All heavy atoms as atom14 arrays in JSON, in Angstrom:
{
  "sequence": "YQLLMEQLPEPVIVHDAQHILYANPAAAAFVGVQTPEQLIGQSLYRFL",
  "atom14_mask": [
    [1, 1, 1, 1, 1, 1, 1, 1, 1, 1, 1, 1, 0, 0],
    [1, 1, 1, 1, 1, 1, 1, 1, 1, 0, 0, 0, 0, 0],
    [1, 1, 1, 1, 1, 1, 1, 1, 0, 0, 0, 0, 0, 0],
    [1, 1, 1, 1, 1, 1, 1, 1, 0, 0, 0, 0, 0, 0],
    [1, 1, 1, 1, 1, 1, 1, 1, 0, 0, 0, 0, 0, 0],
    [1, 1, 1, 1, 1, 1, 1, 1, 1, 0, 0, 0, 0, 0],
    [1, 1, 1, 1, 1, 1, 1, 1, 1, 0, 0, 0, 0, 0],
    [1, 1, 1, 1, 1, 1, 1, 1, 0, 0, 0, 0, 0, 0],
    [1, 1, 1, 1, 1, 1, 1, 0, 0, 0, 0, 0, 0, 0],
    [1, 1, 1, 1, 1, 1, 1, 1, 1, 0, 0, 0, 0, 0],
    [1, 1, 1, 1, 1, 1, 1, 0, 0, 0, 0, 0, 0, 0],
    [1, 1, 1, 1, 1, 1, 1, 0, 0, 0, 0, 0, 0, 0],
    [1, 1, 1, 1, 1, 1, 1, 1, 0, 0, 0, 0, 0, 0],
    [1, 1, 1, 1, 1, 1, 1, 0, 0, 0, 0, 0, 0, 0],
    [1, 1, 1, 1, 1, 1, 1, 1, 1, 1, 0, 0, 0, 0],
    [1, 1, 1, 1, 1, 1, 1, 1, 0, 0, 0, 0, 0, 0],
    [1, 1, 1, 1, 1, 0, 0, 0, 0, 0, 0, 0, 0, 0],
    [1, 1, 1, 1, 1, 1, 1, 1, 1, 0, 0, 0, 0, 0],
    [1, 1, 1, 1, 1, 1, 1, 1, 1, 1, 0, 0, 0, 0],
    [1, 1, 1, 1, 1, 1, 1, 1, 0, 0, 0, 0, 0, 0],
    [1, 1, 1, 1, 1, 1, 1, 1, 0, 0, 0, 0, 0, 0],
    [1, 1, 1, 1, 1, 1, 1, 1, 1, 1, 1, 1, 0, 0],
    [1, 1, 1, 1, 1, 0, 0, 0, 0, 0, 0, 0, 0, 0],
    [1, 1, 1, 1, 1, 1, 1, 1, 0, 0, 0, 0, 0, 0],
    [1, 1, 1, 1, 1, 1, 1, 0, 0, 0, 0, 0, 0, 0],
    [1, 1, 1, 1, 1, 0, 0, 0, 0, 0, 0, 0, 0, 0],
    [1, 1, 1, 1, 1, 0, 0, 0, 0, 0, 0, 0, 0, 0],
    [1, 1, 1, 1, 1, 0, 0, 0, 0, 0, 0, 0, 0, 0],
    [1, 1, 1, 1, 1, 0, 0, 0, 0, 0, 0, 0, 0, 0],
    [1, 1, 1, 1, 1, 1, 1, 1, 1, 1, 1, 0, 0, 0],
    [1, 1, 1, 1, 1, 1, 1, 0, 0, 0, 0, 0, 0, 0],
    [1, 1, 1, 1, 0, 0, 0, 0, 0, 0, 0, 0, 0, 0],
    [1, 1, 1, 1, 1, 1, 1, 0, 0, 0, 0, 0, 0, 0],
    [1, 1, 1, 1, 1, 1, 1, 1, 1, 0, 0, 0, 0, 0],
    [1, 1, 1, 1, 1, 1, 1, 0, 0, 0, 0, 0, 0, 0],
    [1, 1, 1, 1, 1, 1, 1, 0, 0, 0, 0, 0, 0, 0],
    [1, 1, 1, 1, 1, 1, 1, 1, 1, 0, 0, 0, 0, 0],
    [1, 1, 1, 1, 1, 1, 1, 1, 1, 0, 0, 0, 0, 0],
    [1, 1, 1, 1, 1, 1, 1, 1, 0, 0, 0, 0, 0, 0],
    [1, 1, 1, 1, 1, 1, 1, 1, 0, 0, 0, 0, 0, 0],
    [1, 1, 1, 1, 0, 0, 0, 0, 0, 0, 0, 0, 0, 0],
    [1, 1, 1, 1, 1, 1, 1, 1, 1, 0, 0, 0, 0, 0],
    [1, 1, 1, 1, 1, 1, 0, 0, 0, 0, 0, 0, 0, 0],
    [1, 1, 1, 1, 1, 1, 1, 1, 0, 0, 0, 0, 0, 0],
    [1, 1, 1, 1, 1, 1, 1, 1, 1, 1, 1, 1, 0, 0],
    [1, 1, 1, 1, 1, 1, 1, 1, 1, 1, 1, 0, 0, 0],
    [1, 1, 1, 1, 1, 1, 1, 1, 1, 1, 1, 0, 0, 0],
    [1, 1, 1, 1, 1, 1, 1, 1, 0, 0, 0, 0, 0, 0]
  ],
  "atom14_positions": [
    [[-5.16, -6.75, 5.59], [-4.46, -5.83, 4.65], [-5.4, -5.31, 3.56], [-5.4, -4.14, 3.23], [-3.23, -6.55, 4.06], [-2.59, -5.76, 2.95], [-1.71, -4.74, 3.34], [-2.77, -6.1, 1.64], [-1.11, -3.98, 2.33], [-2.12, -5.36, 0.67], [-1.32, -4.35, 0.97], [-0.67, -3.61, 0.01], [0.0, 0.0, 0.0], [0.0, 0.0, 0.0]],
    [[-6.16, -6.24, 2.98], [-7.11, -5.85, 1.93], [-8.1, -4.86, 2.41], [-8.44, -3.85, 1.75], [-7.77, -7.11, 1.38], [-8.67, -6.91, 0.15], [-7.83, -6.54, -1.13], [-6.7, -6.94, -1.19], [-8.41, -5.87, -2.07], [0.0, 0.0, 0.0], [0.0, 0.0, 0.0], [0.0, 0.0, 0.0], [0.0, 0.0, 0.0], [0.0, 0.0, 0.0]],
    [[-8.67, -5.16, 3.6], [-9.67, -4.26, 4.23], [-9.03, -2.92, 4.53], [-9.64, -1.87, 4.27], [-10.23, -4.9, 5.46], [-11.32, -4.05, 6.2], [-12.52, -3.87, 5.28], [-11.75, -4.74, 7.46], [0.0, 0.0, 0.0], [0.0, 0.0, 0.0], [0.0, 0.0, 0.0], [0.0, 0.0, 0.0], [0.0, 0.0, 0.0], [0.0, 0.0, 0.0]],
    [[-7.79, -2.88, 5.05], [-7.11, -1.66, 5.34], [-6.91, -0.9, 4.11], [-7.13, 0.35, 4.1], [-5.81, -2.0, 6.08], [-4.95, -0.78, 6.43], [-5.66, 0.15, 7.39], [-3.55, -1.25, 6.95], [0.0, 0.0, 0.0], [0.0, 0.0, 0.0], [0.0, 0.0, 0.0], [0.0, 0.0, 0.0], [0.0, 0.0, 0.0], [0.0, 0.0, 0.0]],
    [[-6.38, -1.48, 3.07], [-6.16, -0.74, 1.8], [-7.45, -0.12, 1.23], [-7.41, 0.98, 0.69], [-5.51, -1.68, 0.76], [-4.07, -2.16, 1.12], [-2.87, -0.79, 1.19], [-2.76, -0.64, 3.03], [0.0, 0.0, 0.0], [0.0, 0.0, 0.0], [0.0, 0.0, 0.0], [0.0, 0.0, 0.0], [0.0, 0.0, 0.0], [0.0, 0.0, 0.0]],
    [[-8.55, -0.88, 1.36], [-9.79, -0.39, 0.82], [-10.31, 0.79, 1.65], [-10.95, 1.71, 1.12], [-10.84, -1.51, 0.84], [-10.5, -2.71, -0.08], [-10.43, -2.3, -1.55], [-11.1, -1.41, -1.97], [-9.6, -2.95, -2.23], [0.0, 0.0, 0.0], [0.0, 0.0, 0.0], [0.0, 0.0, 0.0], [0.0, 0.0, 0.0], [0.0, 0.0, 0.0]],
    [[-10.05, 0.77, 3.02], [-10.57, 1.86, 3.84], [-9.64, 3.01, 4.05], [-9.97, 4.0, 4.6], [-10.94, 1.28, 5.2], [-12.02, 0.18, 5.16], [-13.32, 0.66, 4.6], [-13.69, 1.86, 4.84], [-14.01, -0.19, 3.83], [0.0, 0.0, 0.0], [0.0, 0.0, 0.0], [0.0, 0.0, 0.0], [0.0, 0.0, 0.0], [0.0, 0.0, 0.0]],
    [[-8.34, 2.83, 3.61], [-7.34, 3.82, 3.87], [-7.64, 5.13, 3.15], [-7.92, 5.06, 1.94], [-5.92, 3.32, 3.42], [-4.71, 4.02, 4.03], [-4.69, 3.85, 5.54], [-3.47, 3.5, 3.37], [0.0, 0.0, 0.0], [0.0, 0.0, 0.0], [0.0, 0.0, 0.0], [0.0, 0.0, 0.0], [0.0, 0.0, 0.0], [0.0, 0.0, 0.0]],
    [[-7.62, 6.22, 3.82], [-7.96, 7.53, 3.18], [-6.86, 7.99, 2.23], [-7.09, 8.85, 1.34], [-8.21, 8.5, 4.3], [-7.33, 7.94, 5.45], [-7.39, 6.45, 5.28], [0.0, 0.0, 0.0], [0.0, 0.0, 0.0], [0.0, 0.0, 0.0], [0.0, 0.0, 0.0], [0.0, 0.0, 0.0], [0.0, 0.0, 0.0], [0.0, 0.0, 0.0]],
    [[-5.62, 7.48, 2.4], [-4.53, 7.95, 1.55], [-4.39, 7.03, 0.27], [-4.65, 5.8, 0.4], [-3.19, 7.88, 2.29], [-3.11, 8.92, 3.41], [-1.74, 8.96, 4.03], [-1.13, 7.86, 4.13], [-1.27, 10.05, 4.44], [0.0, 0.0, 0.0], [0.0, 0.0, 0.0], [0.0, 0.0, 0.0], [0.0, 0.0, 0.0], [0.0, 0.0, 0.0]],
    [[-4.09, 7.63, -0.85], [-3.97, 6.82, -2.1], [-2.84, 5.83, -1.98], [-1.75, 6.13, -1.59], [-3.7, 7.85, -3.14], [-4.15, 9.16, -2.55], [-3.92, 9.05, -1.13], [0.0, 0.0, 0.0], [0.0, 0.0, 0.0], [0.0, 0.0, 0.0], [0.0, 0.0, 0.0], [0.0, 0.0, 0.0], [0.0, 0.0, 0.0], [0.0, 0.0, 0.0]],
    [[-3.07, 4.59, -2.4], [-2.1, 3.54, -2.41], [-2.23, 2.82, -3.76], [-3.26, 2.41, -4.22], [-2.33, 2.46, -1.27], [-1.31, 1.37, -1.38], [-2.28, 3.15, 0.08], [0.0, 0.0, 0.0], [0.0, 0.0, 0.0], [0.0, 0.0, 0.0], [0.0, 0.0, 0.0], [0.0, 0.0, 0.0], [0.0, 0.0, 0.0], [0.0, 0.0, 0.0]],
    [[-1.03, 2.67, -4.45], [-0.97, 1.95, -5.69], [0.19, 0.93, -5.62], [1.13, 1.06, -4.86], [-0.79, 2.85, -6.87], [0.54, 3.57, -6.8], [-1.93, 3.85, -7.01], [0.88, 4.33, -8.09], [0.0, 0.0, 0.0], [0.0, 0.0, 0.0], [0.0, 0.0, 0.0], [0.0, 0.0, 0.0], [0.0, 0.0, 0.0], [0.0, 0.0, 0.0]],
    [[0.14, -0.13, -6.47], [1.22, -1.06, -6.63], [1.52, -1.06, -8.11], [0.65, -1.26, -8.97], [0.75, -2.48, -6.12], [1.9, -3.45, -6.42], [0.41, -2.43, -4.66], [0.0, 0.0, 0.0], [0.0, 0.0, 0.0], [0.0, 0.0, 0.0], [0.0, 0.0, 0.0], [0.0, 0.0, 0.0], [0.0, 0.0, 0.0], [0.0, 0.0, 0.0]],
    [[2.84, -0.95, -8.39], [3.26, -0.82, -9.77], [4.51, -1.69, -9.94], [5.25, -1.92, -8.97], [3.48, 0.58, -10.26], [4.57, 1.33, -9.59], [5.91, 1.21, -10.01], [4.57, 2.13, -8.51], [6.65, 1.93, -9.2], [5.89, 2.51, -8.24], [0.0, 0.0, 0.0], [0.0, 0.0, 0.0], [0.0, 0.0, 0.0], [0.0, 0.0, 0.0]],
    [[4.8, -2.03, -11.16], [6.06, -2.81, -11.46], [7.04, -1.98, -12.23], [7.85, -2.42, -13.02], [5.66, -4.05, -12.28], [5.02, -3.68, -13.65], [4.79, -2.48, -13.87], [4.72, -4.61, -14.42], [0.0, 0.0, 0.0], [0.0, 0.0, 0.0], [0.0, 0.0, 0.0], [0.0, 0.0, 0.0], [0.0, 0.0, 0.0], [0.0, 0.0, 0.0]],
    [[7.01, -0.63, -11.94], [7.93, 0.34, -12.6], [7.45, 0.66, -14.03], [8.02, 1.54, -14.69], [9.39, -0.13, -12.72], [0.0, 0.0, 0.0], [0.0, 0.0, 0.0], [0.0, 0.0, 0.0], [0.0, 0.0, 0.0], [0.0, 0.0, 0.0], [0.0, 0.0, 0.0], [0.0, 0.0, 0.0], [0.0, 0.0, 0.0], [0.0, 0.0, 0.0]],
    [[6.35, 0.03, -14.46], [5.82, 0.4, -15.83], [4.35, 0.65, -15.71], [3.76, 1.66, -16.14], [6.11, -0.75, -16.78], [7.6, -0.9, -17.17], [8.14, 0.32, -17.91], [7.41, 0.96, -18.62], [9.46, 0.51, -17.76], [0.0, 0.0, 0.0], [0.0, 0.0, 0.0], [0.0, 0.0, 0.0], [0.0, 0.0, 0.0], [0.0, 0.0, 0.0]],
    [[3.61, -0.32, -15.15], [2.15, -0.31, -15.12], [1.6, -0.39, -13.71], [2.26, -0.95, -12.82], [1.5, -1.44, -15.96], [2.02, -1.33, -17.42], [3.04, -2.01, -17.89], [1.48, -0.73, -18.49], [3.25, -1.75, -19.21], [2.29, -1.0, -19.54], [0.0, 0.0, 0.0], [0.0, 0.0, 0.0], [0.0, 0.0, 0.0], [0.0, 0.0, 0.0]],
    [[0.39, 0.08, -13.48], [-0.24, 0.01, -12.24], [-0.89, -1.36, -12.11], [-1.69, -1.74, -12.95], [-1.31, 1.16, -12.08], [-0.62, 2.48, -12.13], [-2.04, 0.99, -10.8], [-1.56, 3.68, -12.16], [0.0, 0.0, 0.0], [0.0, 0.0, 0.0], [0.0, 0.0, 0.0], [0.0, 0.0, 0.0], [0.0, 0.0, 0.0], [0.0, 0.0, 0.0]],
    [[-0.6, -2.08, -11.02], [-1.07, -3.46, -10.79], [-2.27, -3.46, -9.78], [-3.09, -4.33, -9.81], [0.03, -4.34, -10.24], [1.32, -4.37, -11.12], [2.35, -5.26, -10.38], [0.99, -4.9, -12.55], [0.0, 0.0, 0.0], [0.0, 0.0, 0.0], [0.0, 0.0, 0.0], [0.0, 0.0, 0.0], [0.0, 0.0, 0.0], [0.0, 0.0, 0.0]],
    [[-2.28, -2.45, -8.93], [-3.35, -2.35, -7.95], [-3.56, -0.97, -7.52], [-2.58, -0.13, -7.49], [-3.01, -3.21, -6.66], [-3.95, -2.92, -5.5], [-5.19, -3.5, -5.37], [-3.53, -2.07, -4.46], [-6.01, -3.24, -4.28], [-4.36, -1.78, -3.43], [-5.61, -2.37, -3.35], [-6.43, -2.12, -2.3], [0.0, 0.0, 0.0], [0.0, 0.0, 0.0]],
    [[-4.71, -0.53, -7.15], [-5.05, 0.81, -6.64], [-6.2, 0.69, -5.75], [-7.17, -0.09, -6.01], [-5.32, 1.75, -7.79], [0.0, 0.0, 0.0], [0.0, 0.0, 0.0], [0.0, 0.0, 0.0], [0.0, 0.0, 0.0], [0.0, 0.0, 0.0], [0.0, 0.0, 0.0], [0.0, 0.0, 0.0], [0.0, 0.0, 0.0], [0.0, 0.0, 0.0]],
    [[-6.16, 1.46, -4.66], [-7.35, 1.48, -3.75], [-8.29, 2.54, -4.13], [-7.95, 3.44, -4.95], [-6.86, 1.62, -2.27], [-6.28, 2.96, -2.02], [-5.89, 3.66, -2.92], [-6.09, 3.31, -0.79], [0.0, 0.0, 0.0], [0.0, 0.0, 0.0], [0.0, 0.0, 0.0], [0.0, 0.0, 0.0], [0.0, 0.0, 0.0], [0.0, 0.0, 0.0]],
    [[-9.5, 2.59, -3.56], [-10.48, 3.6, -3.93], [-9.96, 5.01, -3.74], [-10.32, 5.93, -4.57], [-11.69, 3.32, -3.06], [-11.57, 1.86, -2.73], [-10.08, 1.57, -2.66], [0.0, 0.0, 0.0], [0.0, 0.0, 0.0], [0.0, 0.0, 0.0], [0.0, 0.0, 0.0], [0.0, 0.0, 0.0], [0.0, 0.0, 0.0], [0.0, 0.0, 0.0]],
    [[-9.19, 5.25, -2.69], [-8.65, 6.61, -2.45], [-7.71, 7.06, -3.63], [-7.73, 8.22, -3.99], [-7.89, 6.6, -1.13], [0.0, 0.0, 0.0], [0.0, 0.0, 0.0], [0.0, 0.0, 0.0], [0.0, 0.0, 0.0], [0.0, 0.0, 0.0], [0.0, 0.0, 0.0], [0.0, 0.0, 0.0], [0.0, 0.0, 0.0], [0.0, 0.0, 0.0]],
    [[-6.98, 6.13, -4.18], [-6.11, 6.48, -5.31], [-6.92, 6.86, -6.51], [-6.62, 7.81, -7.26], [-5.16, 5.31, -5.64], [0.0, 0.0, 0.0], [0.0, 0.0, 0.0], [0.0, 0.0, 0.0], [0.0, 0.0, 0.0], [0.0, 0.0, 0.0], [0.0, 0.0, 0.0], [0.0, 0.0, 0.0], [0.0, 0.0, 0.0], [0.0, 0.0, 0.0]],
    [[-8.07, 6.07, -6.76], [-8.93, 6.42, -7.88], [-9.56, 7.8, -7.71], [-9.56, 8.64, -8.64], [-9.99, 5.36, -8.02], [0.0, 0.0, 0.0], [0.0, 0.0, 0.0], [0.0, 0.0, 0.0], [0.0, 0.0, 0.0], [0.0, 0.0, 0.0], [0.0, 0.0, 0.0], [0.0, 0.0, 0.0], [0.0, 0.0, 0.0], [0.0, 0.0, 0.0]],
    [[-10.0, 8.1, -6.48], [-10.57, 9.44, -6.23], [-9.53, 10.52, -6.41], [-9.78, 11.67, -6.85], [-11.26, 9.47, -4.87], [0.0, 0.0, 0.0], [0.0, 0.0, 0.0], [0.0, 0.0, 0.0], [0.0, 0.0, 0.0], [0.0, 0.0, 0.0], [0.0, 0.0, 0.0], [0.0, 0.0, 0.0], [0.0, 0.0, 0.0], [0.0, 0.0, 0.0]],
    [[-8.29, 10.25, -6.04], [-7.24, 11.28, -6.03], [-6.89, 11.66, -7.43], [-6.71, 12.85, -7.71], [-6.03, 10.76, -5.29], [-4.89, 11.74, -5.26], [-4.92, 12.86, -4.44], [-3.71, 11.59, -6.04], [-3.87, 13.76, -4.38], [-2.69, 12.46, -5.99], [-2.79, 13.57, -5.15], [0.0, 0.0, 0.0], [0.0, 0.0, 0.0], [0.0, 0.0, 0.0]],
    [[-6.86, 10.73, -8.35], [-6.45, 11.05, -9.75], [-7.68, 11.41, -10.59], [-7.52, 11.73, -11.76], [-5.74, 9.91, -10.36], [-4.42, 9.57, -9.62], [-6.57, 8.63, -10.52], [0.0, 0.0, 0.0], [0.0, 0.0, 0.0], [0.0, 0.0, 0.0], [0.0, 0.0, 0.0], [0.0, 0.0, 0.0], [0.0, 0.0, 0.0], [0.0, 0.0, 0.0]],
    [[-8.87, 11.29, -9.96], [-10.08, 11.8, -10.73], [-10.74, 10.76, -11.55], [-11.45, 11.13, -12.51], [0.0, 0.0, 0.0], [0.0, 0.0, 0.0], [0.0, 0.0, 0.0], [0.0, 0.0, 0.0], [0.0, 0.0, 0.0], [0.0, 0.0, 0.0], [0.0, 0.0, 0.0], [0.0, 0.0, 0.0], [0.0, 0.0, 0.0], [0.0, 0.0, 0.0]],
    [[-10.69, 9.49, -11.17], [-11.49, 8.38, -11.92], [-12.48, 7.83, -10.94], [-12.35, 8.01, -9.76], [-10.55, 7.33, -12.52], [-9.64, 7.95, -13.57], [-9.78, 6.67, -11.43], [0.0, 0.0, 0.0], [0.0, 0.0, 0.0], [0.0, 0.0, 0.0], [0.0, 0.0, 0.0], [0.0, 0.0, 0.0], [0.0, 0.0, 0.0], [0.0, 0.0, 0.0]],
    [[-13.48, 7.09, -11.51], [-14.54, 6.6, -10.68], [-14.18, 5.34, -9.86], [-14.57, 5.19, -8.74], [-15.77, 6.36, -11.52], [-16.34, 7.7, -12.17], [-17.62, 7.39, -13.0], [-17.98, 6.21, -13.2], [-18.26, 8.44, -13.45], [0.0, 0.0, 0.0], [0.0, 0.0, 0.0], [0.0, 0.0, 0.0], [0.0, 0.0, 0.0], [0.0, 0.0, 0.0]],
    [[-13.51, 4.35, -10.5], [-13.27, 3.12, -9.83], [-11.77, 2.8, -9.95], [-11.1, 3.18, -10.93], [-14.06, 1.96, -10.47], [-13.73, 1.86, -11.81], [-15.55, 2.26, -10.38], [0.0, 0.0, 0.0], [0.0, 0.0, 0.0], [0.0, 0.0, 0.0], [0.0, 0.0, 0.0], [0.0, 0.0, 0.0], [0.0, 0.0, 0.0], [0.0, 0.0, 0.0]],
    [[-11.21, 2.01, -8.95], [-9.76, 1.6, -9.06], [-9.51, 0.77, -10.29], [-8.37, 0.76, -10.78], [-9.6, 0.83, -7.77], [-10.65, 1.22, -6.83], [-11.77, 1.6, -7.7], [0.0, 0.0, 0.0], [0.0, 0.0, 0.0], [0.0, 0.0, 0.0], [0.0, 0.0, 0.0], [0.0, 0.0, 0.0], [0.0, 0.0, 0.0], [0.0, 0.0, 0.0]],
    [[-10.48, -0.04, -10.76], [-10.27, -0.85, -11.93], [-9.83, -0.02, -13.18], [-9.15, -0.55, -14.08], [-11.52, -1.67, -12.2], [-11.81, -2.81, -11.21], [-12.3, -2.25, -9.93], [-12.76, -1.04, -9.87], [-12.27, -3.02, -8.91], [0.0, 0.0, 0.0], [0.0, 0.0, 0.0], [0.0, 0.0, 0.0], [0.0, 0.0, 0.0], [0.0, 0.0, 0.0]],
    [[-10.24, 1.22, -13.18], [-9.87, 2.04, -14.34], [-8.39, 2.4, -14.37], [-7.89, 2.79, -15.41], [-10.72, 3.39, -14.3], [-12.22, 3.2, -14.55], [-12.93, 4.47, -14.48], [-13.48, 4.8, -13.44], [-12.92, 5.27, -15.6], [0.0, 0.0, 0.0], [0.0, 0.0, 0.0], [0.0, 0.0, 0.0], [0.0, 0.0, 0.0], [0.0, 0.0, 0.0]],
    [[-7.72, 2.23, -13.19], [-6.3, 2.47, -13.21], [-5.46, 1.25, -13.46], [-4.28, 1.39, -13.81], [-5.92, 3.08, -11.74], [-6.5, 4.4, -11.36], [-6.1, 4.72, -9.96], [-6.03, 5.45, -12.36], [0.0, 0.0, 0.0], [0.0, 0.0, 0.0], [0.0, 0.0, 0.0], [0.0, 0.0, 0.0], [0.0, 0.0, 0.0], [0.0, 0.0, 0.0]],
    [[-6.01, 0.03, -13.27], [-5.24, -1.19, -13.41], [-4.82, -1.32, -14.89], [-5.65, -1.2, -15.83], [-6.07, -2.44, -13.03], [-6.62, -2.23, -11.62], [-5.25, -3.7, -13.16], [-5.6, -2.03, -10.55], [0.0, 0.0, 0.0], [0.0, 0.0, 0.0], [0.0, 0.0, 0.0], [0.0, 0.0, 0.0], [0.0, 0.0, 0.0], [0.0, 0.0, 0.0]],
    [[-3.5, -1.52, -15.07], [-2.92, -1.64, -16.42], [-2.54, -0.32, -17.07], [-1.9, -0.35, -18.1], [0.0, 0.0, 0.0], [0.0, 0.0, 0.0], [0.0, 0.0, 0.0], [0.0, 0.0, 0.0], [0.0, 0.0, 0.0], [0.0, 0.0, 0.0], [0.0, 0.0, 0.0], [0.0, 0.0, 0.0], [0.0, 0.0, 0.0], [0.0, 0.0, 0.0]],
    [[-2.92, 0.78, -16.42], [-2.51, 2.04, -17.0], [-1.03, 2.32, -16.79], [-0.39, 1.83, -15.84], [-3.32, 3.17, -16.33], [-4.79, 3.17, -16.6], [-5.16, 3.67, -17.98], [-4.34, 4.31, -18.64], [-6.33, 3.25, -18.49], [0.0, 0.0, 0.0], [0.0, 0.0, 0.0], [0.0, 0.0, 0.0], [0.0, 0.0, 0.0], [0.0, 0.0, 0.0]],
    [[-0.43, 3.12, -17.7], [0.99, 3.47, -17.55], [1.17, 4.4, -16.39], [0.42, 5.37, -16.21], [1.47, 4.11, -18.81], [2.86, 4.58, -18.67], [0.0, 0.0, 0.0], [0.0, 0.0, 0.0], [0.0, 0.0, 0.0], [0.0, 0.0, 0.0], [0.0, 0.0, 0.0], [0.0, 0.0, 0.0], [0.0, 0.0, 0.0], [0.0, 0.0, 0.0]],
    [[2.17, 4.12, -15.59], [2.42, 4.96, -14.39], [2.81, 6.33, -14.8], [2.46, 7.35, -14.11], [3.54, 4.29, -13.59], [4.03, 5.04, -12.32], [2.95, 5.1, -11.26], [5.32, 4.4, -11.76], [0.0, 0.0, 0.0], [0.0, 0.0, 0.0], [0.0, 0.0, 0.0], [0.0, 0.0, 0.0], [0.0, 0.0, 0.0], [0.0, 0.0, 0.0]],
    [[3.42, 6.57, -15.93], [3.98, 7.75, -16.27], [2.94, 8.71, -16.97], [3.23, 9.89, -17.29], [5.18, 7.58, -17.28], [6.2, 6.62, -16.65], [6.25, 5.3, -17.15], [6.98, 6.98, -15.61], [7.14, 4.41, -16.59], [7.9, 6.09, -15.06], [7.9, 4.77, -15.52], [8.85, 3.92, -14.93], [0.0, 0.0, 0.0], [0.0, 0.0, 0.0]],
    [[1.78, 8.13, -17.17], [0.65, 9.02, -17.65], [0.3, 10.13, -16.73], [-0.11, 11.18, -17.14], [-0.52, 8.14, -18.0], [-1.84, 8.88, -18.28], [-2.97, 7.98, -18.36], [-4.21, 8.7, -18.42], [-5.46, 8.16, -18.34], [-5.55, 6.89, -18.2], [-6.53, 8.89, -18.43], [0.0, 0.0, 0.0], [0.0, 0.0, 0.0], [0.0, 0.0, 0.0]],
    [[0.53, 9.84, -15.41], [0.07, 10.77, -14.4], [1.23, 11.68, -13.89], [1.09, 12.37, -12.84], [-0.52, 10.02, -13.21], [-1.66, 9.13, -13.61], [-1.43, 7.8, -13.86], [-2.93, 9.67, -13.8], [-2.52, 6.97, -14.26], [-3.98, 8.87, -14.18], [-3.8, 7.53, -14.4], [0.0, 0.0, 0.0], [0.0, 0.0, 0.0], [0.0, 0.0, 0.0]],
    [[2.35, 11.7, -14.58], [3.47, 12.51, -14.15], [3.76, 13.57, -15.21], [3.44, 13.38, -16.39], [4.73, 11.64, -13.99], [4.71, 10.59, -12.9], [5.96, 9.81, -12.92], [4.47, 11.24, -11.52], [0.0, 0.0, 0.0], [0.0, 0.0, 0.0], [0.0, 0.0, 0.0], [0.0, 0.0, 0.0], [0.0, 0.0, 0.0], [0.0, 0.0, 0.0]]
  ]
}
């Protein structure tokens, strides 16, 4: 699953209805940041 999420071309994130808990590299590239770690802890509603 971890390998699939890392290689999946579609953006995948995990959130708790408030903050982003996980993001794959495709999600980071989709929102325009360099690494998935930059999305961890960010507010989900910042991108809406």
